[in-house]
Amino acid sequence: MRNAAKTSVASFVLAGYSTQDVGAALSREGVAVRSGHHCAQPILRRFGLEATVRPSLAFYNTCEDVDVMLGVVQRLARQRS
């Protein structure tokens, strides 16, 4: 049964950082994400963006994987505040 309210992809930006910098910081901690325009320039520009960071979560990800990703993003955000 398909649930239309579920998704495994979320794109984000982090104020004060390029998407490449966020992707590199996550990569150093073993978190694989994509950063860039994701072949979606028209919709990104509609929202005033040129690039985003996009983690893709799947059945093989653990809660620990998500916690590591969030920890890196929170650490970066604290460094810019």
C-alpha atoms as a PDB file:
ATOM      1  CA  MET A   1       0.000   0.000   0.000  1.00  0.00           C
ATOM      2  CA  ARG A   2       1.400   3.367  -0.999  1.00  0.00           C
ATOM      3  CA  ASN A   3       1.285   6.289   1.399  1.00  0.00           C
ATOM      4  CA  ALA A   4       1.294   9.623  -0.431  1.00  0.00           C
ATOM      5  CA  ALA A   5       2.382  11.453   2.753  1.00  0.00           C
ATOM      6  CA  LYS A   6       5.741   9.636   2.924  1.00  0.00           C
ATOM      7  CA  THR A   7       8.972  10.666   1.285  1.00  0.00           C
ATOM      8  CA  SER A   8      12.596   9.647   1.637  1.00  0.00           C
ATOM      9  CA  VAL A   9      14.150  12.737   0.077  1.00  0.00           C
ATOM     10  CA  ALA A  10      14.438  16.144   1.688  1.00  0.00           C
ATOM     11  CA  SER A  11      16.449  19.071   0.386  1.00  0.00           C
ATOM     12  CA  PHE A  12      17.802  21.864   2.554  1.00  0.00           C
ATOM     13  CA  VAL A  13      20.209  24.778   2.734  1.00  0.00           C
ATOM     14  CA  LEU A  14      22.109  25.999   5.755  1.00  0.00           C
ATOM     15  CA  ALA A  15      22.471  29.752   6.193  1.00  0.00           C
ATOM     16  CA  GLY A  16      26.053  30.932   5.943  1.00  0.00           C
ATOM     17  CA  TYR A  17      27.319  27.850   4.102  1.00  0.00           C
ATOM     18  CA  SER A  18      27.546  26.791   0.506  1.00  0.00           C
ATOM     19  CA  THR A  19      25.875  23.491  -0.248  1.00  0.00           C
ATOM     20  CA  GLN A  20      29.302  22.117  -1.175  1.00  0.00           C
ATOM     21  CA  ASP A  21      30.668  23.017   2.274  1.00  0.00           C
ATOM     22  CA  VAL A  22      27.753  21.275   4.003  1.00  0.00           C
ATOM     23  CA  GLY A  23      28.155  18.219   1.775  1.00  0.00           C
ATOM     24  CA  ALA A  24      31.894  18.068   2.497  1.00  0.00           C
ATOM     25  CA  ALA A  25      31.343  18.356   6.272  1.00  0.00           C
ATOM     26  CA  LEU A  26      28.785  15.548   6.148  1.00  0.00           C
ATOM     27  CA  SER A  27      31.071  13.426   3.973  1.00  0.00           C
ATOM     28  CA  ARG A  28      33.902  13.743   6.513  1.00  0.00           C
ATOM     29  CA  GLU A  29      31.555  12.141   9.055  1.00  0.00           C
ATOM     30  CA  GLY A  30      30.582   9.334   6.682  1.00  0.00           C
ATOM     31  CA  VAL A  31      27.234  10.797   5.645  1.00  0.00           C
ATOM     32  CA  ALA A  32      26.607  10.624   1.895  1.00  0.00           C
ATOM     33  CA  VAL A  33      24.492  13.420   0.448  1.00  0.00           C
ATOM     34  CA  ARG A  34      24.261  15.193  -2.874  1.00  0.00           C
ATOM     35  CA  SER A  35      24.762  18.913  -3.155  1.00  0.00           C
ATOM     36  CA  GLY A  36      24.005  21.094  -6.124  1.00  0.00           C
ATOM     37  CA  HIS A  37      21.050  21.799  -8.380  1.00  0.00           C
ATOM     38  CA  HIS A  38      19.966  18.140  -8.849  1.00  0.00           C
ATOM     39  CA  CYS A  39      18.832  18.882 -12.421  1.00  0.00           C
ATOM     40  CA  ALA A  40      16.008  20.920 -10.900  1.00  0.00           C
ATOM     41  CA  GLN A  41      17.092  24.495 -11.610  1.00  0.00           C
ATOM     42  CA  PRO A  42      13.637  25.792 -12.612  1.00  0.00           C
ATOM     43  CA  ILE A  43      11.921  24.773  -9.366  1.00  0.00           C
ATOM     44  CA  LEU A  44      14.912  25.787  -7.243  1.00  0.00           C
ATOM     45  CA  ARG A  45      14.934  29.225  -8.828  1.00  0.00           C
ATOM     46  CA  ARG A  46      11.208  29.514  -8.187  1.00  0.00           C
ATOM     47  CA  PHE A  47      12.093  29.254  -4.497  1.00  0.00           C
ATOM     48  CA  GLY A  48      15.044  31.634  -4.847  1.00  0.00           C
ATOM     49  CA  LEU A  49      17.718  28.958  -4.638  1.00  0.00           C
ATOM     50  CA  GLU A  50      20.478  27.764  -6.915  1.00  0.00           C
ATOM     51  CA  ALA A  51      21.474  24.631  -4.996  1.00  0.00           C
ATOM     52  CA  THR A  52      20.493  22.459  -2.029  1.00  0.00           C
ATOM     53  CA  VAL A  53      21.847  19.571   0.032  1.00  0.00           C
ATOM     54  CA  ARG A  54      19.842  16.413  -0.522  1.00  0.00           C
ATOM     55  CA  PRO A  55      20.078  13.358   1.709  1.00  0.00           C
ATOM     56  CA  SER A  56      18.206  10.329   0.383  1.00  0.00           C
ATOM     57  CA  LEU A  57      17.038   8.025   3.131  1.00  0.00           C
ATOM     58  CA  ALA A  58      16.059   4.406   2.563  1.00  0.00           C
ATOM     59  CA  PHE A  59      15.248   1.202   4.397  1.00  0.00           C
ATOM     60  CA  TYR A  60      18.932   0.555   5.098  1.00  0.00           C
ATOM     61  CA  ASN A  61      19.467   3.786   7.037  1.00  0.00           C
ATOM     62  CA  THR A  62      19.439   3.563  10.793  1.00  0.00           C
ATOM     63  CA  CYS A  63      18.360   6.086  13.393  1.00  0.00           C
ATOM     64  CA  GLU A  64      22.070   6.499  14.153  1.00  0.00           C
ATOM     65  CA  ASP A  65      22.685   7.532  10.523  1.00  0.00           C
ATOM     66  CA  VAL A  66      20.068  10.260  10.842  1.00  0.00           C
ATOM     67  CA  ASP A  67      21.423  11.331  14.235  1.00  0.00           C
ATOM     68  CA  VAL A  68      24.945  11.736  12.794  1.00  0.00           C
ATOM     69  CA  MET A  69      23.598  13.828   9.900  1.00  0.00           C
ATOM     70  CA  LEU A  70      21.567  16.051  12.224  1.00  0.00           C
ATOM     71  CA  GLY A  71      24.499  16.385  14.618  1.00  0.00           C
ATOM     72  CA  VAL A  72      26.776  17.669  11.846  1.00  0.00           C
ATOM     73  CA  VAL A  73      24.143  20.126  10.615  1.00  0.00           C
ATOM     74  CA  GLN A  74      23.482  21.377  14.162  1.00  0.00           C
ATOM     75  CA  ARG A  75      27.229  21.772  14.807  1.00  0.00           C
ATOM     76  CA  LEU A  76      27.644  23.794  11.604  1.00  0.00           C
ATOM     77  CA  ALA A  77      24.632  25.969  12.490  1.00  0.00           C
ATOM     78  CA  ARG A  78      26.043  26.690  15.980  1.00  0.00           C
ATOM     79  CA  GLN A  79      29.391  27.699  14.472  1.00  0.00           C
ATOM     80  CA  ARG A  80      27.657  30.403  12.389  1.00  0.00           C
ATOM     81  CA  SER A  81      25.454  31.793  15.143  1.00  0.00           C
END
